[in-house]
Amino acid sequence: MDKTRINLANPQELLEIPGLDRATADAILRHRAEHGPIRDAGELARIVGSTSMTSDLLQHVDFAPAESTTPEAPGA
């Protein structure tokens, strides 16, 4: 199973993660733009809401950080 790199994914790629809707994808994008990479499942749960955090969602997410040259990284 391929995992989505949550810190590099564009809006369309985020929507392919089971359990994420447009509003949640937008919240992830806003968080990355304001705070940088999402470090772990706990941080993602605070962004999407604990009720939206499912084991299926976590199975599809990779928390590898964004490279400093990506547009999503602060200061890029």
PDB file of N, CA and C in Angstrom:
ATOM      1  N   MET A   1       0.849  -1.180   0.000  1.00  0.00           N
ATOM      2  CA  MET A   1       0.000   0.000   0.000  1.00  0.00           C
ATOM      3  C   MET A   1       0.893   1.241   0.000  1.00  0.00           C
ATOM      4  N   ASP A   2       0.599   2.159  -0.892  1.00  0.00           N
ATOM      5  CA  ASP A   2       1.330   3.413  -0.947  1.00  0.00           C
ATOM      6  C   ASP A   2       0.808   4.363   0.122  1.00  0.00           C
ATOM      7  N   LYS A   3       1.734   5.081   0.730  1.00  0.00           N
ATOM      8  CA  LYS A   3       1.356   6.083   1.720  1.00  0.00           C
ATOM      9  C   LYS A   3       1.522   7.463   1.105  1.00  0.00           C
ATOM     10  N   THR A   4       0.702   8.383   1.569  1.00  0.00           N
ATOM     11  CA  THR A   4       0.764   9.768   1.125  1.00  0.00           C
ATOM     12  C   THR A   4       1.653  10.546   2.080  1.00  0.00           C
ATOM     13  N   ARG A   5       2.620  11.246   1.537  1.00  0.00           N
ATOM     14  CA  ARG A   5       3.472  12.097   2.376  1.00  0.00           C
ATOM     15  C   ARG A   5       2.668  13.353   2.716  1.00  0.00           C
ATOM     16  N   ILE A   6       2.134  13.369   3.903  1.00  0.00           N
ATOM     17  CA  ILE A   6       1.212  14.418   4.338  1.00  0.00           C
ATOM     18  C   ILE A   6       1.842  15.801   4.262  1.00  0.00           C
ATOM     19  N   ASN A   7       3.158  15.895   4.349  1.00  0.00           N
ATOM     20  CA  ASN A   7       3.827  17.188   4.318  1.00  0.00           C
ATOM     21  C   ASN A   7       4.178  17.657   2.913  1.00  0.00           C
ATOM     22  N   LEU A   8       3.958  16.823   1.920  1.00  0.00           N
ATOM     23  CA  LEU A   8       4.236  17.191   0.532  1.00  0.00           C
ATOM     24  C   LEU A   8       3.002  17.129  -0.353  1.00  0.00           C
ATOM     25  N   ALA A   9       1.952  16.488   0.122  1.00  0.00           N
ATOM     26  CA  ALA A   9       0.768  16.243  -0.697  1.00  0.00           C
ATOM     27  C   ALA A   9       0.059  17.539  -1.087  1.00  0.00           C
ATOM     28  N   ASN A  10      -0.387  17.566  -2.337  1.00  0.00           N
ATOM     29  CA  ASN A  10      -1.201  18.683  -2.804  1.00  0.00           C
ATOM     30  C   ASN A  10      -2.654  18.405  -2.413  1.00  0.00           C
ATOM     31  N   PRO A  11      -3.567  19.361  -2.629  1.00  0.00           N
ATOM     32  CA  PRO A  11      -4.957  19.160  -2.207  1.00  0.00           C
ATOM     33  C   PRO A  11      -5.589  17.888  -2.770  1.00  0.00           C
ATOM     34  N   GLN A  12      -5.354  17.588  -4.034  1.00  0.00           N
ATOM     35  CA  GLN A  12      -5.952  16.397  -4.641  1.00  0.00           C
ATOM     36  C   GLN A  12      -5.411  15.125  -3.996  1.00  0.00           C
ATOM     37  N   GLU A  13      -4.128  15.088  -3.716  1.00  0.00           N
ATOM     38  CA  GLU A  13      -3.531  13.910  -3.073  1.00  0.00           C
ATOM     39  C   GLU A  13      -4.068  13.730  -1.661  1.00  0.00           C
ATOM     40  N   LEU A  14      -4.287  14.827  -0.955  1.00  0.00           N
ATOM     41  CA  LEU A  14      -4.864  14.726   0.387  1.00  0.00           C
ATOM     42  C   LEU A  14      -6.267  14.133   0.335  1.00  0.00           C
ATOM     43  N   LEU A  15      -7.040  14.503  -0.672  1.00  0.00           N
ATOM     44  CA  LEU A  15      -8.408  14.003  -0.789  1.00  0.00           C
ATOM     45  C   LEU A  15      -8.456  12.513  -1.101  1.00  0.00           C
ATOM     46  N   GLU A  16      -7.350  11.946  -1.539  1.00  0.00           N
ATOM     47  CA  GLU A  16      -7.299  10.511  -1.818  1.00  0.00           C
ATOM     48  C   GLU A  16      -7.061   9.685  -0.558  1.00  0.00           C
ATOM     49  N   ILE A  17      -6.739  10.333   0.546  1.00  0.00           N
ATOM     50  CA  ILE A  17      -6.556   9.630   1.817  1.00  0.00           C
ATOM     51  C   ILE A  17      -7.940   9.309   2.378  1.00  0.00           C
ATOM     52  N   PRO A  18      -8.201   8.041   2.701  1.00  0.00           N
ATOM     53  CA  PRO A  18      -9.524   7.678   3.244  1.00  0.00           C
ATOM     54  C   PRO A  18      -9.864   8.486   4.486  1.00  0.00           C
ATOM     55  N   GLY A  19     -11.053   9.056   4.492  1.00  0.00           N
ATOM     56  CA  GLY A  19     -11.537   9.794   5.653  1.00  0.00           C
ATOM     57  C   GLY A  19     -11.294  11.291   5.604  1.00  0.00           C
ATOM     58  N   LEU A  20     -10.544  11.788   4.611  1.00  0.00           N
ATOM     59  CA  LEU A  20     -10.307  13.224   4.526  1.00  0.00           C
ATOM     60  C   LEU A  20     -11.249  13.858   3.514  1.00  0.00           C
ATOM     61  N   ASP A  21     -11.889  14.946   3.922  1.00  0.00           N
ATOM     62  CA  ASP A  21     -12.756  15.689   3.015  1.00  0.00           C
ATOM     63  C   ASP A  21     -12.078  17.015   2.669  1.00  0.00           C
ATOM     64  N   ARG A  22     -12.715  17.834   1.864  1.00  0.00           N
ATOM     65  CA  ARG A  22     -12.131  19.095   1.404  1.00  0.00           C
ATOM     66  C   ARG A  22     -11.773  20.018   2.571  1.00  0.00           C
ATOM     67  N   ALA A  23     -12.658  20.132   3.549  1.00  0.00           N
ATOM     68  CA  ALA A  23     -12.405  21.024   4.686  1.00  0.00           C
ATOM     69  C   ALA A  23     -11.188  20.554   5.480  1.00  0.00           C
ATOM     70  N   THR A  24     -11.057  19.262   5.658  1.00  0.00           N
ATOM     71  CA  THR A  24      -9.920  18.715   6.397  1.00  0.00           C
ATOM     72  C   THR A  24      -8.631  18.916   5.609  1.00  0.00           C
ATOM     73  N   ALA A  25      -8.671  18.676   4.304  1.00  0.00           N
ATOM     74  CA  ALA A  25      -7.499  18.902   3.453  1.00  0.00           C
ATOM     75  C   ALA A  25      -7.078  20.365   3.526  1.00  0.00           C
ATOM     76  N   ASP A  26      -8.041  21.271   3.488  1.00  0.00           N
ATOM     77  CA  ASP A  26      -7.733  22.701   3.591  1.00  0.00           C
ATOM     78  C   ASP A  26      -7.097  23.031   4.939  1.00  0.00           C
ATOM     79  N   ALA A  27      -7.585  22.400   6.011  1.00  0.00           N
ATOM     80  CA  ALA A  27      -7.021  22.637   7.338  1.00  0.00           C
ATOM     81  C   ALA A  27      -5.570  22.146   7.398  1.00  0.00           C
ATOM     82  N   ILE A  28      -5.285  21.033   6.778  1.00  0.00           N
ATOM     83  CA  ILE A  28      -3.917  20.507   6.734  1.00  0.00           C
ATOM     84  C   ILE A  28      -3.017  21.467   5.971  1.00  0.00           C
ATOM     85  N   LEU A  29      -3.482  21.943   4.826  1.00  0.00           N
ATOM     86  CA  LEU A  29      -2.692  22.878   4.018  1.00  0.00           C
ATOM     87  C   LEU A  29      -2.428  24.180   4.779  1.00  0.00           C
ATOM     88  N   ARG A  30      -3.436  24.703   5.470  1.00  0.00           N
ATOM     89  CA  ARG A  30      -3.269  25.927   6.269  1.00  0.00           C
ATOM     90  C   ARG A  30      -2.248  25.708   7.378  1.00  0.00           C
ATOM     91  N   HIS A  31      -2.377  24.573   8.053  1.00  0.00           N
ATOM     92  CA  HIS A  31      -1.457  24.273   9.155  1.00  0.00           C
ATOM     93  C   HIS A  31      -0.019  24.189   8.636  1.00  0.00           C
ATOM     94  N   ARG A  32       0.187  23.507   7.538  1.00  0.00           N
ATOM     95  CA  ARG A  32       1.541  23.385   6.983  1.00  0.00           C
ATOM     96  C   ARG A  32       2.100  24.747   6.603  1.00  0.00           C
ATOM     97  N   ALA A  33       1.273  25.600   6.022  1.00  0.00           N
ATOM     98  CA  ALA A  33       1.728  26.931   5.603  1.00  0.00           C
ATOM     99  C   ALA A  33       2.094  27.804   6.807  1.00  0.00           C
ATOM    100  N   GLU A  34       1.356  27.663   7.902  1.00  0.00           N
ATOM    101  CA  GLU A  34       1.565  28.506   9.076  1.00  0.00           C
ATOM    102  C   GLU A  34       2.584  27.947  10.064  1.00  0.00           C
ATOM    103  N   HIS A  35       2.665  26.602  10.153  1.00  0.00           N
ATOM    104  CA  HIS A  35       3.467  25.984  11.212  1.00  0.00           C
ATOM    105  C   HIS A  35       4.545  25.030  10.719  1.00  0.00           C
ATOM    106  N   GLY A  36       4.581  24.754   9.429  1.00  0.00           N
ATOM    107  CA  GLY A  36       5.566  23.815   8.913  1.00  0.00           C
ATOM    108  C   GLY A  36       5.053  22.388   8.922  1.00  0.00           C
ATOM    109  N   PRO A  37       5.964  21.441   8.759  1.00  0.00           N
ATOM    110  CA  PRO A  37       5.578  20.032   8.627  1.00  0.00           C
ATOM    111  C   PRO A  37       4.820  19.492   9.836  1.00  0.00           C
ATOM    112  N   ILE A  38       3.927  18.571   9.568  1.00  0.00           N
ATOM    113  CA  ILE A  38       3.193  17.860  10.614  1.00  0.00           C
ATOM    114  C   ILE A  38       4.112  16.745  11.101  1.00  0.00           C
ATOM    115  N   ARG A  39       4.387  16.719  12.399  1.00  0.00           N
ATOM    116  CA  ARG A  39       5.400  15.812  12.936  1.00  0.00           C
ATOM    117  C   ARG A  39       4.916  14.397  13.214  1.00  0.00           C
ATOM    118  N   ASP A  40       3.660  14.261  13.643  1.00  0.00           N
ATOM    119  CA  ASP A  40       3.226  12.930  14.066  1.00  0.00           C
ATOM    120  C   ASP A  40       1.705  12.836  14.107  1.00  0.00           C
ATOM    121  N   ALA A  41       1.222  11.660  14.480  1.00  0.00           N
ATOM    122  CA  ALA A  41      -0.219  11.406  14.521  1.00  0.00           C
ATOM    123  C   ALA A  41      -0.940  12.316  15.514  1.00  0.00           C
ATOM    124  N   GLY A  42      -0.292  12.649  16.618  1.00  0.00           N
ATOM    125  CA  GLY A  42      -0.914  13.534  17.609  1.00  0.00           C
ATOM    126  C   GLY A  42      -1.168  14.914  17.044  1.00  0.00           C
ATOM    127  N   GLU A  43      -0.192  15.430  16.316  1.00  0.00           N
ATOM    128  CA  GLU A  43      -0.364  16.750  15.702  1.00  0.00           C
ATOM    129  C   GLU A  43      -1.448  16.705  14.628  1.00  0.00           C
ATOM    130  N   LEU A  44      -1.457  15.639  13.828  1.00  0.00           N
ATOM    131  CA  LEU A  44      -2.491  15.499  12.806  1.00  0.00           C
ATOM    132  C   LEU A  44      -3.873  15.413  13.454  1.00  0.00           C
ATOM    133  N   ALA A  45      -3.989  14.712  14.570  1.00  0.00           N
ATOM    134  CA  ALA A  45      -5.274  14.594  15.275  1.00  0.00           C
ATOM    135  C   ALA A  45      -5.766  15.955  15.738  1.00  0.00           C
ATOM    136  N   ARG A  46      -4.853  16.824  16.185  1.00  0.00           N
ATOM    137  CA  ARG A  46      -5.262  18.169  16.616  1.00  0.00           C
ATOM    138  C   ARG A  46      -5.767  18.983  15.423  1.00  0.00           C
ATOM    139  N   ILE A  47      -5.238  18.717  14.243  1.00  0.00           N
ATOM    140  CA  ILE A  47      -5.645  19.457  13.047  1.00  0.00           C
ATOM    141  C   ILE A  47      -6.992  18.956  12.516  1.00  0.00           C
ATOM    142  N   VAL A  48      -7.133  17.650  12.412  1.00  0.00           N
ATOM    143  CA  VAL A  48      -8.334  17.087  11.781  1.00  0.00           C
ATOM    144  C   VAL A  48      -9.436  16.779  12.782  1.00  0.00           C
ATOM    145  N   GLY A  49      -9.113  16.770  14.060  1.00  0.00           N
ATOM    146  CA  GLY A  49     -10.094  16.419  15.080  1.00  0.00           C
ATOM    147  C   GLY A  49      -9.962  14.941  15.414  1.00  0.00           C
ATOM    148  N   SER A  50      -9.989  14.633  16.666  1.00  0.00           N
ATOM    149  CA  SER A  50      -9.749  13.254  17.102  1.00  0.00           C
ATOM    150  C   SER A  50     -10.789  12.279  16.563  1.00  0.00           C
ATOM    151  N   THR A  51     -12.009  12.727  16.314  1.00  0.00           N
ATOM    152  CA  THR A  51     -13.026  11.820  15.791  1.00  0.00           C
ATOM    153  C   THR A  51     -12.763  11.445  14.336  1.00  0.00           C
ATOM    154  N   SER A  52     -12.012  12.278  13.624  1.00  0.00           N
ATOM    155  CA  SER A  52     -11.689  11.985  12.227  1.00  0.00           C
ATOM    156  C   SER A  52     -10.449  11.105  12.094  1.00  0.00           C
ATOM    157  N   MET A  53      -9.693  10.967  13.184  1.00  0.00           N
ATOM    158  CA  MET A  53      -8.473  10.157  13.138  1.00  0.00           C
ATOM    159  C   MET A  53      -8.847   8.688  13.262  1.00  0.00           C
ATOM    160  N   THR A  54      -8.715   7.983  12.171  1.00  0.00           N
ATOM    161  CA  THR A  54      -9.001   6.553  12.173  1.00  0.00           C
ATOM    162  C   THR A  54      -7.720   5.784  11.885  1.00  0.00           C
ATOM    163  N   SER A  55      -7.719   4.517  12.238  1.00  0.00           N
ATOM    164  CA  SER A  55      -6.540   3.701  11.945  1.00  0.00           C
ATOM    165  C   SER A  55      -6.354   3.582  10.438  1.00  0.00           C
ATOM    166  N   ASP A  56      -7.453   3.589   9.678  1.00  0.00           N
ATOM    167  CA  ASP A  56      -7.354   3.524   8.215  1.00  0.00           C
ATOM    168  C   ASP A  56      -6.646   4.763   7.677  1.00  0.00           C
ATOM    169  N   LEU A  57      -6.986   5.925   8.219  1.00  0.00           N
ATOM    170  CA  LEU A  57      -6.333   7.160   7.799  1.00  0.00           C
ATOM    171  C   LEU A  57      -4.837   7.076   8.095  1.00  0.00           C
ATOM    172  N   LEU A  58      -4.477   6.655   9.300  1.00  0.00           N
ATOM    173  CA  LEU A  58      -3.069   6.597   9.690  1.00  0.00           C
ATOM    174  C   LEU A  58      -2.275   5.602   8.847  1.00  0.00           C
ATOM    175  N   GLN A  59      -2.925   4.557   8.384  1.00  0.00           N
ATOM    176  CA  GLN A  59      -2.239   3.569   7.545  1.00  0.00           C
ATOM    177  C   GLN A  59      -1.857   4.150   6.194  1.00  0.00           C
ATOM    178  N   HIS A  60      -2.467   5.254   5.799  1.00  0.00           N
ATOM    179  CA  HIS A  60      -2.221   5.855   4.489  1.00  0.00           C
ATOM    180  C   HIS A  60      -1.350   7.113   4.550  1.00  0.00           C
ATOM    181  N   VAL A  61      -0.827   7.433   5.738  1.00  0.00           N
ATOM    182  CA  VAL A  61      -0.090   8.690   5.910  1.00  0.00           C
ATOM    183  C   VAL A  61       1.366   8.415   6.277  1.00  0.00           C
ATOM    184  N   ASP A  62       2.258   9.166   5.633  1.00  0.00           N
ATOM    185  CA  ASP A  62       3.685   9.151   5.950  1.00  0.00           C
ATOM    186  C   ASP A  62       4.030  10.550   6.466  1.00  0.00           C
ATOM    187  N   PHE A  63       4.653  10.628   7.631  1.00  0.00           N
ATOM    188  CA  PHE A  63       4.965  11.914   8.254  1.00  0.00           C
ATOM    189  C   PHE A  63       6.358  12.423   7.922  1.00  0.00           C
ATOM    190  N   ALA A  64       7.013  11.838   6.928  1.00  0.00           N
ATOM    191  CA  ALA A  64       8.342  12.326   6.546  1.00  0.00           C
ATOM    192  C   ALA A  64       8.245  13.829   6.296  1.00  0.00           C
ATOM    193  N   PRO A  65       9.191  14.591   6.833  1.00  0.00           N
ATOM    194  CA  PRO A  65       9.096  16.049   6.685  1.00  0.00           C
ATOM    195  C   PRO A  65       9.299  16.504   5.245  1.00  0.00           C
ATOM    196  N   ALA A  66       8.780  17.674   4.982  1.00  0.00           N
ATOM    197  CA  ALA A  66       8.972  18.297   3.671  1.00  0.00           C
ATOM    198  C   ALA A  66      10.410  18.777   3.578  1.00  0.00           C
ATOM    199  N   GLU A  67      10.964  18.735   2.386  1.00  0.00           N
ATOM    200  CA  GLU A  67      12.288  19.309   2.193  1.00  0.00           C
ATOM    201  C   GLU A  67      12.166  20.822   2.286  1.00  0.00           C
ATOM    202  N   SER A  68      13.237  21.479   2.653  1.00  0.00           N
ATOM    203  CA  SER A  68      13.189  22.933   2.878  1.00  0.00           C
ATOM    204  C   SER A  68      12.925  23.721   1.602  1.00  0.00           C
ATOM    205  N   THR A  69      13.027  23.085   0.437  1.00  0.00           N
ATOM    206  CA  THR A  69      12.816  23.805  -0.813  1.00  0.00           C
ATOM    207  C   THR A  69      11.402  23.655  -1.351  1.00  0.00           C
ATOM    208  N   THR A  70      10.558  22.881  -0.683  1.00  0.00           N
ATOM    209  CA  THR A  70       9.206  22.721  -1.177  1.00  0.00           C
ATOM    210  C   THR A  70       8.373  23.954  -0.857  1.00  0.00           C
ATOM    211  N   PRO A  71       7.380  24.287  -1.694  1.00  0.00           N
ATOM    212  CA  PRO A  71       6.570  25.481  -1.449  1.00  0.00           C
ATOM    213  C   PRO A  71       5.831  25.443  -0.134  1.00  0.00           C
ATOM    214  N   GLU A  72       5.543  24.257   0.406  1.00  0.00           N
ATOM    215  CA  GLU A  72       4.779  24.148   1.645  1.00  0.00           C
ATOM    216  C   GLU A  72       5.618  24.486   2.865  1.00  0.00           C
ATOM    217  N   ALA A  73       6.930  24.473   2.712  1.00  0.00           N
ATOM    218  CA  ALA A  73       7.789  24.703   3.873  1.00  0.00           C
ATOM    219  C   ALA A  73       7.847  26.201   4.195  1.00  0.00           C
ATOM    220  N   PRO A  74       7.786  26.553   5.490  1.00  0.00           N
ATOM    221  CA  PRO A  74       7.873  27.964   5.858  1.00  0.00           C
ATOM    222  C   PRO A  74       9.185  28.566   5.361  1.00  0.00           C
ATOM    223  N   GLY A  75       9.121  29.767   4.883  1.00  0.00           N
ATOM    224  CA  GLY A  75      10.302  30.464   4.422  1.00  0.00           C
ATOM    225  C   GLY A  75      10.763  30.105   3.031  1.00  0.00           C
ATOM    226  N   ALA A  76      10.007  29.256   2.356  1.00  0.00           N
ATOM    227  CA  ALA A  76      10.421  28.848   1.000  1.00  0.00           C
ATOM    228  C   ALA A  76      10.163  29.952   0.007  1.00  0.00           C
TER     229      ALA A  76
END
